[in-house]
């Protein structure tokens, strides 16, 4: 939690610096960058508050309600930033029609600051294995790439002696903000309905388990979200006769953990004889 709080502090400091420069030079591109930063900071704060609440060992029902409240807040976050992205898109188009002179040097400096901050925050959260932290690393990586893209596009436009650099950057960042907000909306809806994310399709997991030499058949596959963002996987796994069940169990759990980030399982191992053994992890 110390690293997470430090990452949040770095993002807030960068947000304040960006806000001060954006108000000073009236750059629409920097206001778009502020929206990206604010979205990342909001989600990170949601995760910090929820983690502290869960660490107090609250009752299961209360913990579940807290997770659902967080999902609802993230849904609202996606809606708000979707509207903000639409507003910024319209504003950038209007700026393209009636250009406004904006200094480009402060924009490049802020882009370098955002790139450095997101890299530091990404490294701070790199040791966290939860899916929520993985999603935060995705946002930090995406914002860092956005800052790098701003630097490259600005350099090209300066070389080509184009004056509407701020307007072009604003339009580009508003489009990216809209796609990220859509991704957040989609993610929150999947988690609120306890659904299965697209990147963890059962068919892909089933095919991977079939590639294990000892597995002969798989039945009753289920993958769902019980609470929070952790996925639970269950199935009946048929294995070849005279195969050590414990060795197969360890191999299956390793595949699920490191390839699909699934640590909660309930697997029934069935051999070719009439005997069956139920193991859960």
C-alpha atoms as a PDB file:
ATOM      1  CA  UNK A   1       0.000   0.000   0.000  1.00  0.00           C
ATOM      2  CA  UNK A   2       2.974   2.348   0.541  1.00  0.00           C
ATOM      3  CA  UNK A   3       3.979   1.985  -3.114  1.00  0.00           C
ATOM      4  CA  UNK A   4       0.382   2.470  -4.242  1.00  0.00           C
ATOM      5  CA  UNK A   5       0.021   5.619  -2.146  1.00  0.00           C
ATOM      6  CA  UNK A   6       3.335   6.929  -3.496  1.00  0.00           C
ATOM      7  CA  UNK A   7       2.148   6.318  -7.056  1.00  0.00           C
ATOM      8  CA  UNK A   8      -1.045   8.220  -6.298  1.00  0.00           C
ATOM      9  CA  UNK A   9       0.974  11.105  -4.809  1.00  0.00           C
ATOM     10  CA  UNK A  10       3.152  11.305  -7.924  1.00  0.00           C
ATOM     11  CA  UNK A  11       0.097  11.387 -10.180  1.00  0.00           C
ATOM     12  CA  UNK A  12      -1.556  14.111  -8.087  1.00  0.00           C
ATOM     13  CA  UNK A  13       1.608  16.241  -8.187  1.00  0.00           C
ATOM     14  CA  UNK A  14       1.798  15.854 -11.961  1.00  0.00           C
ATOM     15  CA  UNK A  15      -1.899  16.738 -12.223  1.00  0.00           C
ATOM     16  CA  UNK A  16      -1.397  19.983 -10.267  1.00  0.00           C
ATOM     17  CA  UNK A  17       1.595  20.958 -12.424  1.00  0.00           C
ATOM     18  CA  UNK A  18      -0.311  20.199 -15.626  1.00  0.00           C
ATOM     19  CA  UNK A  19      -3.342  22.163 -14.434  1.00  0.00           C
ATOM     20  CA  UNK A  20      -1.222  25.226 -13.642  1.00  0.00           C
ATOM     21  CA  UNK A  21       0.414  25.212 -17.090  1.00  0.00           C
ATOM     22  CA  UNK A  22      -2.883  24.514 -18.884  1.00  0.00           C
ATOM     23  CA  UNK A  23      -4.553  27.512 -17.226  1.00  0.00           C
ATOM     24  CA  UNK A  24      -1.566  29.708 -17.987  1.00  0.00           C
ATOM     25  CA  UNK A  25      -1.245  28.972 -21.729  1.00  0.00           C
ATOM     26  CA  UNK A  26      -4.897  27.912 -22.282  1.00  0.00           C
ATOM     27  CA  UNK A  27      -3.901  24.710 -24.051  1.00  0.00           C
ATOM     28  CA  UNK A  28      -6.775  22.408 -24.973  1.00  0.00           C
ATOM     29  CA  UNK A  29      -4.346  19.502 -25.391  1.00  0.00           C
ATOM     30  CA  UNK A  30      -3.247  19.865 -21.780  1.00  0.00           C
ATOM     31  CA  UNK A  31      -6.876  19.900 -20.629  1.00  0.00           C
ATOM     32  CA  UNK A  32      -7.267  16.572 -22.449  1.00  0.00           C
ATOM     33  CA  UNK A  33      -4.151  15.309 -20.672  1.00  0.00           C
ATOM     34  CA  UNK A  34      -5.697  16.443 -17.374  1.00  0.00           C
ATOM     35  CA  UNK A  35      -8.742  14.270 -18.089  1.00  0.00           C
ATOM     36  CA  UNK A  36      -6.476  11.251 -18.668  1.00  0.00           C
ATOM     37  CA  UNK A  37      -4.618  11.898 -15.413  1.00  0.00           C
ATOM     38  CA  UNK A  38      -7.805  12.477 -13.427  1.00  0.00           C
ATOM     39  CA  UNK A  39      -9.306   9.208 -14.660  1.00  0.00           C
ATOM     40  CA  UNK A  40      -6.199   7.261 -13.622  1.00  0.00           C
ATOM     41  CA  UNK A  41      -6.051   8.989 -10.222  1.00  0.00           C
ATOM     42  CA  UNK A  42      -9.754   8.343  -9.556  1.00  0.00           C
ATOM     43  CA  UNK A  43      -9.456   4.621 -10.263  1.00  0.00           C
ATOM     44  CA  UNK A  44      -6.313   4.336  -8.158  1.00  0.00           C
ATOM     45  CA  UNK A  45      -8.051   6.027  -5.220  1.00  0.00           C
ATOM     46  CA  UNK A  46     -11.009   3.638  -5.575  1.00  0.00           C
ATOM     47  CA  UNK A  47      -8.645   0.677  -5.334  1.00  0.00           C
ATOM     48  CA  UNK A  48      -6.765   2.106  -2.332  1.00  0.00           C
ATOM     49  CA  UNK A  49      -9.965   2.768  -0.360  1.00  0.00           C
ATOM     50  CA  UNK A  50     -11.367  -0.657  -1.159  1.00  0.00           C
ATOM     51  CA  UNK A  51      -8.127  -2.412  -0.222  1.00  0.00           C
ATOM     52  CA  UNK A  52      -7.984  -0.647   3.156  1.00  0.00           C
ATOM     53  CA  UNK A  53     -11.626  -1.567   3.830  1.00  0.00           C
ATOM     54  CA  UNK A  54     -11.065  -5.217   2.922  1.00  0.00           C
ATOM     55  CA  UNK A  55      -7.907  -5.345   5.057  1.00  0.00           C
ATOM     56  CA  UNK A  56     -10.037  -4.659   8.139  1.00  0.00           C
ATOM     57  CA  UNK A  57     -11.548  -8.142   7.712  1.00  0.00           C
ATOM     58  CA  UNK A  58     -15.109  -6.951   7.368  1.00  0.00           C
ATOM     59  CA  UNK A  59     -17.952  -9.423   7.113  1.00  0.00           C
ATOM     60  CA  UNK A  60     -18.266 -11.175   3.713  1.00  0.00           C
ATOM     61  CA  UNK A  61     -21.573  -9.484   2.900  1.00  0.00           C
ATOM     62  CA  UNK A  62     -20.150  -6.045   3.735  1.00  0.00           C
ATOM     63  CA  UNK A  63     -17.057  -6.752   1.652  1.00  0.00           C
ATOM     64  CA  UNK A  64     -19.234  -7.782  -1.277  1.00  0.00           C
ATOM     65  CA  UNK A  65     -21.269  -4.577  -0.994  1.00  0.00           C
ATOM     66  CA  UNK A  66     -18.034  -2.578  -0.902  1.00  0.00           C
ATOM     67  CA  UNK A  67     -16.832  -4.249  -4.086  1.00  0.00           C
ATOM     68  CA  UNK A  68     -20.138  -3.534  -5.809  1.00  0.00           C
ATOM     69  CA  UNK A  69     -19.990   0.099  -4.668  1.00  0.00           C
ATOM     70  CA  UNK A  70     -16.518   0.395  -6.180  1.00  0.00           C
ATOM     71  CA  UNK A  71     -17.775  -1.130  -9.440  1.00  0.00           C
ATOM     72  CA  UNK A  72     -20.641   1.379  -9.486  1.00  0.00           C
ATOM     73  CA  UNK A  73     -18.240   4.268  -8.892  1.00  0.00           C
ATOM     74  CA  UNK A  74     -16.023   3.032 -11.731  1.00  0.00           C
ATOM     75  CA  UNK A  75     -19.096   2.812 -13.954  1.00  0.00           C
ATOM     76  CA  UNK A  76     -19.896   6.445 -13.112  1.00  0.00           C
ATOM     77  CA  UNK A  77     -16.260   7.314 -13.789  1.00  0.00           C
ATOM     78  CA  UNK A  78     -16.510   5.784 -17.263  1.00  0.00           C
ATOM     79  CA  UNK A  79     -19.721   7.680 -17.993  1.00  0.00           C
ATOM     80  CA  UNK A  80     -18.316  11.016 -16.805  1.00  0.00           C
ATOM     81  CA  UNK A  81     -15.142  10.715 -18.858  1.00  0.00           C
ATOM     82  CA  UNK A  82     -17.094   9.551 -21.902  1.00  0.00           C
ATOM     83  CA  UNK A  83     -19.048  12.802 -21.735  1.00  0.00           C
ATOM     84  CA  UNK A  84     -15.820  14.735 -21.128  1.00  0.00           C
ATOM     85  CA  UNK A  85     -14.260  13.101 -24.176  1.00  0.00           C
ATOM     86  CA  UNK A  86     -17.247  14.101 -26.343  1.00  0.00           C
ATOM     87  CA  UNK A  87     -17.008  17.696 -25.090  1.00  0.00           C
ATOM     88  CA  UNK A  88     -13.259  17.826 -25.753  1.00  0.00           C
ATOM     89  CA  UNK A  89     -13.757  16.385 -29.239  1.00  0.00           C
ATOM     90  CA  UNK A  90     -16.236  19.125 -30.093  1.00  0.00           C
ATOM     91  CA  UNK A  91     -13.967  21.782 -28.558  1.00  0.00           C
ATOM     92  CA  UNK A  92     -10.959  20.533 -30.533  1.00  0.00           C
ATOM     93  CA  UNK A  93     -12.944  20.642 -33.777  1.00  0.00           C
ATOM     94  CA  UNK A  94     -14.019  24.218 -33.016  1.00  0.00           C
ATOM     95  CA  UNK A  95     -10.393  25.097 -32.291  1.00  0.00           C
ATOM     96  CA  UNK A  96      -9.430  23.611 -35.674  1.00  0.00           C
ATOM     97  CA  UNK A  97     -11.977  25.863 -37.362  1.00  0.00           C
ATOM     98  CA  UNK A  98     -10.845  28.946 -35.437  1.00  0.00           C
ATOM     99  CA  UNK A  99      -7.201  28.334 -34.438  1.00  0.00           C
ATOM    100  CA  UNK A 100      -5.720  29.873 -31.291  1.00  0.00           C
ATOM    101  CA  UNK A 101      -1.984  30.469 -30.856  1.00  0.00           C
ATOM    102  CA  UNK A 102      -0.625  28.291 -28.071  1.00  0.00           C
ATOM    103  CA  UNK A 103       3.014  27.899 -27.030  1.00  0.00           C
ATOM    104  CA  UNK A 104       4.259  24.398 -27.787  1.00  0.00           C
ATOM    105  CA  UNK A 105       7.307  24.321 -25.459  1.00  0.00           C
ATOM    106  CA  UNK A 106       5.274  24.008 -22.217  1.00  0.00           C
ATOM    107  CA  UNK A 107       3.230  21.188 -23.801  1.00  0.00           C
ATOM    108  CA  UNK A 108       6.397  19.240 -24.594  1.00  0.00           C
ATOM    109  CA  UNK A 109       7.704  19.786 -21.061  1.00  0.00           C
ATOM    110  CA  UNK A 110       4.458  18.527 -19.529  1.00  0.00           C
ATOM    111  CA  UNK A 111       4.478  15.541 -21.895  1.00  0.00           C
ATOM    112  CA  UNK A 112       7.958  14.615 -20.650  1.00  0.00           C
ATOM    113  CA  UNK A 113       6.768  15.028 -17.049  1.00  0.00           C
ATOM    114  CA  UNK A 114       3.734  12.793 -17.612  1.00  0.00           C
ATOM    115  CA  UNK A 115       5.875  10.186 -19.382  1.00  0.00           C
ATOM    116  CA  UNK A 116       8.341  10.089 -16.474  1.00  0.00           C
ATOM    117  CA  UNK A 117       5.595   9.998 -13.824  1.00  0.00           C
ATOM    118  CA  UNK A 118       3.701   7.161 -15.489  1.00  0.00           C
ATOM    119  CA  UNK A 119       6.900   5.159 -15.874  1.00  0.00           C
ATOM    120  CA  UNK A 120       7.704   5.578 -12.174  1.00  0.00           C
ATOM    121  CA  UNK A 121       4.131   4.648 -11.139  1.00  0.00           C
ATOM    122  CA  UNK A 122       4.192   1.624 -13.441  1.00  0.00           C
ATOM    123  CA  UNK A 123       7.384   0.395 -11.780  1.00  0.00           C
ATOM    124  CA  UNK A 124       5.915   1.006  -8.315  1.00  0.00           C
ATOM    125  CA  UNK A 125       2.880  -1.141  -9.131  1.00  0.00           C
ATOM    126  CA  UNK A 126       4.794  -3.789 -11.078  1.00  0.00           C
ATOM    127  CA  UNK A 127       5.028  -6.118  -8.056  1.00  0.00           C
ATOM    128  CA  UNK A 128       1.245  -6.233  -7.586  1.00  0.00           C
ATOM    129  CA  UNK A 129      -0.407  -9.321  -9.106  1.00  0.00           C
ATOM    130  CA  UNK A 130      -4.105  -8.536  -8.643  1.00  0.00           C
ATOM    131  CA  UNK A 131      -6.218  -7.885 -11.718  1.00  0.00           C
ATOM    132  CA  UNK A 132      -7.103  -4.400 -10.446  1.00  0.00           C
ATOM    133  CA  UNK A 133      -3.431  -3.451 -10.288  1.00  0.00           C
ATOM    134  CA  UNK A 134      -2.900  -5.063 -13.692  1.00  0.00           C
ATOM    135  CA  UNK A 135      -5.606  -2.778 -15.096  1.00  0.00           C
ATOM    136  CA  UNK A 136      -3.958   0.219 -13.429  1.00  0.00           C
ATOM    137  CA  UNK A 137      -0.668  -0.729 -15.072  1.00  0.00           C
ATOM    138  CA  UNK A 138      -2.510  -0.851 -18.398  1.00  0.00           C
ATOM    139  CA  UNK A 139      -3.801   2.703 -17.866  1.00  0.00           C
ATOM    140  CA  UNK A 140      -0.376   3.961 -16.785  1.00  0.00           C
ATOM    141  CA  UNK A 141       1.268   2.306 -19.765  1.00  0.00           C
ATOM    142  CA  UNK A 142      -1.386   3.752 -22.089  1.00  0.00           C
ATOM    143  CA  UNK A 143      -0.979   7.273 -20.655  1.00  0.00           C
ATOM    144  CA  UNK A 144       2.800   6.981 -20.951  1.00  0.00           C
ATOM    145  CA  UNK A 145       2.462   5.975 -24.599  1.00  0.00           C
ATOM    146  CA  UNK A 146       0.072   8.907 -25.103  1.00  0.00           C
ATOM    147  CA  UNK A 147       2.710  11.288 -23.733  1.00  0.00           C
ATOM    148  CA  UNK A 148       5.334   9.754 -26.013  1.00  0.00           C
ATOM    149  CA  UNK A 149       2.944  10.096 -28.943  1.00  0.00           C
ATOM    150  CA  UNK A 150       2.404  13.773 -28.088  1.00  0.00           C
ATOM    151  CA  UNK A 151       6.156  14.361 -28.187  1.00  0.00           C
ATOM    152  CA  UNK A 152       6.560  12.592 -31.539  1.00  0.00           C
ATOM    153  CA  UNK A 153       3.561  14.272 -33.193  1.00  0.00           C
ATOM    154  CA  UNK A 154       4.591  17.693 -31.881  1.00  0.00           C
ATOM    155  CA  UNK A 155       8.103  17.203 -33.236  1.00  0.00           C
ATOM    156  CA  UNK A 156       6.785  16.219 -36.660  1.00  0.00           C
ATOM    157  CA  UNK A 157       4.337  19.126 -36.818  1.00  0.00           C
ATOM    158  CA  UNK A 158       7.078  21.552 -35.799  1.00  0.00           C
ATOM    159  CA  UNK A 159       9.320  20.161 -38.513  1.00  0.00           C
ATOM    160  CA  UNK A 160       6.557  20.559 -41.087  1.00  0.00           C
ATOM    161  CA  UNK A 161       5.922  24.120 -39.779  1.00  0.00           C
ATOM    162  CA  UNK A 162       2.261  23.475 -38.923  1.00  0.00           C
ATOM    163  CA  UNK A 163       0.749  26.028 -36.547  1.00  0.00           C
ATOM    164  CA  UNK A 164      -2.289  24.101 -35.249  1.00  0.00           C
ATOM    165  CA  UNK A 165      -0.275  21.707 -33.075  1.00  0.00           C
ATOM    166  CA  UNK A 166      -2.373  22.178 -29.925  1.00  0.00           C
ATOM    167  CA  UNK A 167      -5.631  21.557 -31.808  1.00  0.00           C
ATOM    168  CA  UNK A 168      -4.320  18.385 -33.464  1.00  0.00           C
ATOM    169  CA  UNK A 169      -3.010  17.039 -30.148  1.00  0.00           C
ATOM    170  CA  UNK A 170      -6.313  17.856 -28.422  1.00  0.00           C
ATOM    171  CA  UNK A 171      -8.326  15.991 -31.050  1.00  0.00           C
ATOM    172  CA  UNK A 172      -5.999  12.975 -30.829  1.00  0.00           C
ATOM    173  CA  UNK A 173      -6.043  12.843 -27.006  1.00  0.00           C
ATOM    174  CA  UNK A 174      -9.840  13.288 -26.886  1.00  0.00           C
ATOM    175  CA  UNK A 175     -10.281  10.271 -29.171  1.00  0.00           C
ATOM    176  CA  UNK A 176      -7.957   8.197 -26.991  1.00  0.00           C
ATOM    177  CA  UNK A 177      -9.807   9.329 -23.859  1.00  0.00           C
ATOM    178  CA  UNK A 178     -13.099   8.189 -25.373  1.00  0.00           C
ATOM    179  CA  UNK A 179     -11.701   4.709 -26.144  1.00  0.00           C
ATOM    180  CA  UNK A 180     -10.274   4.365 -22.624  1.00  0.00           C
ATOM    181  CA  UNK A 181     -13.556   5.493 -21.044  1.00  0.00           C
ATOM    182  CA  UNK A 182     -15.392   2.917 -23.162  1.00  0.00           C
ATOM    183  CA  UNK A 183     -12.997   0.223 -21.957  1.00  0.00           C
ATOM    184  CA  UNK A 184     -13.667   1.210 -18.338  1.00  0.00           C
ATOM    185  CA  UNK A 185     -17.428   1.129 -18.911  1.00  0.00           C
ATOM    186  CA  UNK A 186     -17.186  -2.314 -20.454  1.00  0.00           C
ATOM    187  CA  UNK A 187     -14.966  -3.594 -17.643  1.00  0.00           C
ATOM    188  CA  UNK A 188     -17.250  -2.261 -14.889  1.00  0.00           C
ATOM    189  CA  UNK A 189     -20.353  -3.789 -16.488  1.00  0.00           C
ATOM    190  CA  UNK A 190     -18.658  -7.183 -16.774  1.00  0.00           C
ATOM    191  CA  UNK A 191     -17.643  -7.093 -13.114  1.00  0.00           C
ATOM    192  CA  UNK A 192     -21.020  -5.809 -11.864  1.00  0.00           C
ATOM    193  CA  UNK A 193     -22.842  -8.633 -13.655  1.00  0.00           C
ATOM    194  CA  UNK A 194     -20.217 -11.155 -12.488  1.00  0.00           C
ATOM    195  CA  UNK A 195     -19.465 -12.042 -16.077  1.00  0.00           C
ATOM    196  CA  UNK A 196     -16.421 -13.434 -17.822  1.00  0.00           C
ATOM    197  CA  UNK A 197     -13.993 -10.974 -19.452  1.00  0.00           C
ATOM    198  CA  UNK A 198     -13.348 -11.509 -23.146  1.00  0.00           C
ATOM    199  CA  UNK A 199      -9.644 -12.116 -22.638  1.00  0.00           C
ATOM    200  CA  UNK A 200     -10.416 -15.169 -20.524  1.00  0.00           C
ATOM    201  CA  UNK A 201     -12.637 -17.125 -22.837  1.00  0.00           C
ATOM    202  CA  UNK A 202     -13.442 -20.619 -21.671  1.00  0.00           C
ATOM    203  CA  UNK A 203     -12.600 -22.014 -25.107  1.00  0.00           C
ATOM    204  CA  UNK A 204      -9.020 -20.736 -24.801  1.00  0.00           C
ATOM    205  CA  UNK A 205      -8.612 -22.244 -21.318  1.00  0.00           C
ATOM    206  CA  UNK A 206     -10.188 -25.504 -22.431  1.00  0.00           C
ATOM    207  CA  UNK A 207      -7.848 -25.750 -25.399  1.00  0.00           C
ATOM    208  CA  UNK A 208      -4.836 -25.051 -23.202  1.00  0.00           C
ATOM    209  CA  UNK A 209      -5.802 -27.753 -20.706  1.00  0.00           C
ATOM    210  CA  UNK A 210      -6.354 -30.242 -23.514  1.00  0.00           C
ATOM    211  CA  UNK A 211      -2.717 -29.688 -24.509  1.00  0.00           C
ATOM    212  CA  UNK A 212      -1.616 -31.218 -21.217  1.00  0.00           C
ATOM    213  CA  UNK A 213      -0.521 -34.780 -21.874  1.00  0.00           C
ATOM    214  CA  UNK A 214      -2.418 -36.384 -18.990  1.00  0.00           C
ATOM    215  CA  UNK A 215      -5.801 -34.751 -19.756  1.00  0.00           C
ATOM    216  CA  UNK A 216      -8.220 -36.874 -21.777  1.00  0.00           C
ATOM    217  CA  UNK A 217     -11.469 -34.886 -21.406  1.00  0.00           C
ATOM    218  CA  UNK A 218     -12.941 -31.811 -19.704  1.00  0.00           C
ATOM    219  CA  UNK A 219     -16.523 -31.229 -18.577  1.00  0.00           C
ATOM    220  CA  UNK A 220     -18.635 -28.640 -16.727  1.00  0.00           C
ATOM    221  CA  UNK A 221     -16.308 -25.681 -17.237  1.00  0.00           C
ATOM    222  CA  UNK A 222     -17.317 -22.527 -15.364  1.00  0.00           C
ATOM    223  CA  UNK A 223     -15.558 -19.198 -14.940  1.00  0.00           C
ATOM    224  CA  UNK A 224     -17.118 -16.320 -13.046  1.00  0.00           C
ATOM    225  CA  UNK A 225     -16.546 -13.347 -10.755  1.00  0.00           C
ATOM    226  CA  UNK A 226     -17.737 -14.008  -7.211  1.00  0.00           C
ATOM    227  CA  UNK A 227     -16.497 -10.857  -5.490  1.00  0.00           C
ATOM    228  CA  UNK A 228     -14.246  -8.074  -6.594  1.00  0.00           C
ATOM    229  CA  UNK A 229     -12.205  -8.860  -9.682  1.00  0.00           C
ATOM    230  CA  UNK A 230     -10.876 -12.316  -8.894  1.00  0.00           C
ATOM    231  CA  UNK A 231     -12.064 -15.039 -11.233  1.00  0.00           C
ATOM    232  CA  UNK A 232     -13.085 -18.498 -10.008  1.00  0.00           C
ATOM    233  CA  UNK A 233     -12.643 -21.509 -12.283  1.00  0.00           C
ATOM    234  CA  UNK A 234     -14.230 -24.935 -11.857  1.00  0.00           C
ATOM    235  CA  UNK A 235     -14.447 -28.062 -14.004  1.00  0.00           C
ATOM    236  CA  UNK A 236     -14.290 -31.853 -14.104  1.00  0.00           C
ATOM    237  CA  UNK A 237     -10.933 -32.979 -15.452  1.00  0.00           C
ATOM    238  CA  UNK A 238     -10.545 -36.513 -16.795  1.00  0.00           C
ATOM    239  CA  UNK A 239      -6.976 -37.802 -16.705  1.00  0.00           C
ATOM    240  CA  UNK A 240      -5.269 -40.902 -18.039  1.00  0.00           C
ATOM    241  CA  UNK A 241      -5.059 -44.026 -15.922  1.00  0.00           C
ATOM    242  CA  UNK A 242      -2.002 -44.432 -13.665  1.00  0.00           C
ATOM    243  CA  UNK A 243      -1.264 -40.687 -13.854  1.00  0.00           C
ATOM    244  CA  UNK A 244      -0.237 -39.069 -10.531  1.00  0.00           C
ATOM    245  CA  UNK A 245      -3.143 -36.797  -9.646  1.00  0.00           C
ATOM    246  CA  UNK A 246      -1.021 -34.471  -7.536  1.00  0.00           C
ATOM    247  CA  UNK A 247       1.400 -33.858 -10.421  1.00  0.00           C
ATOM    248  CA  UNK A 248      -1.484 -33.061 -12.781  1.00  0.00           C
ATOM    249  CA  UNK A 249      -3.072 -30.791 -10.191  1.00  0.00           C
ATOM    250  CA  UNK A 250       0.125 -28.767  -9.783  1.00  0.00           C
ATOM    251  CA  UNK A 251       0.537 -28.462 -13.550  1.00  0.00           C
ATOM    252  CA  UNK A 252      -3.075 -27.300 -14.025  1.00  0.00           C
ATOM    253  CA  UNK A 253      -2.854 -24.738 -11.203  1.00  0.00           C
ATOM    254  CA  UNK A 254       0.413 -23.406 -12.605  1.00  0.00           C
ATOM    255  CA  UNK A 255      -1.135 -22.932 -16.055  1.00  0.00           C
ATOM    256  CA  UNK A 256      -4.206 -21.168 -14.643  1.00  0.00           C
ATOM    257  CA  UNK A 257      -2.173 -18.903 -12.366  1.00  0.00           C
ATOM    258  CA  UNK A 258       0.607 -17.743 -14.672  1.00  0.00           C
ATOM    259  CA  UNK A 259      -1.179 -17.778 -18.028  1.00  0.00           C
ATOM    260  CA  UNK A 260      -4.696 -16.639 -17.004  1.00  0.00           C
ATOM    261  CA  UNK A 261      -4.135 -15.040 -13.551  1.00  0.00           C
ATOM    262  CA  UNK A 262      -6.672 -17.426 -11.971  1.00  0.00           C
ATOM    263  CA  UNK A 263      -5.831 -18.517  -8.427  1.00  0.00           C
ATOM    264  CA  UNK A 264      -9.242 -19.649  -7.142  1.00  0.00           C
ATOM    265  CA  UNK A 265     -10.251 -23.040  -8.487  1.00  0.00           C
ATOM    266  CA  UNK A 266     -12.524 -25.978  -7.699  1.00  0.00           C
ATOM    267  CA  UNK A 267     -11.416 -28.891  -9.879  1.00  0.00           C
ATOM    268  CA  UNK A 268     -12.570 -32.485  -9.712  1.00  0.00           C
ATOM    269  CA  UNK A 269     -10.004 -34.932 -11.094  1.00  0.00           C
ATOM    270  CA  UNK A 270     -11.489 -38.122 -12.522  1.00  0.00           C
ATOM    271  CA  UNK A 271      -9.364 -41.100 -13.584  1.00  0.00           C
ATOM    272  CA  UNK A 272     -10.371 -43.909 -15.929  1.00  0.00           C
ATOM    273  CA  UNK A 273     -11.362 -46.208 -13.058  1.00  0.00           C
ATOM    274  CA  UNK A 274     -14.574 -45.865 -11.082  1.00  0.00           C
ATOM    275  CA  UNK A 275     -12.778 -43.930  -8.386  1.00  0.00           C
ATOM    276  CA  UNK A 276     -12.701 -40.142  -8.389  1.00  0.00           C
ATOM    277  CA  UNK A 277     -10.934 -37.630  -6.307  1.00  0.00           C
ATOM    278  CA  UNK A 278     -12.061 -34.097  -5.581  1.00  0.00           C
ATOM    279  CA  UNK A 279      -9.405 -31.513  -5.030  1.00  0.00           C
ATOM    280  CA  UNK A 280      -9.907 -27.806  -4.696  1.00  0.00           C
ATOM    281  CA  UNK A 281      -7.490 -24.976  -4.372  1.00  0.00           C
END
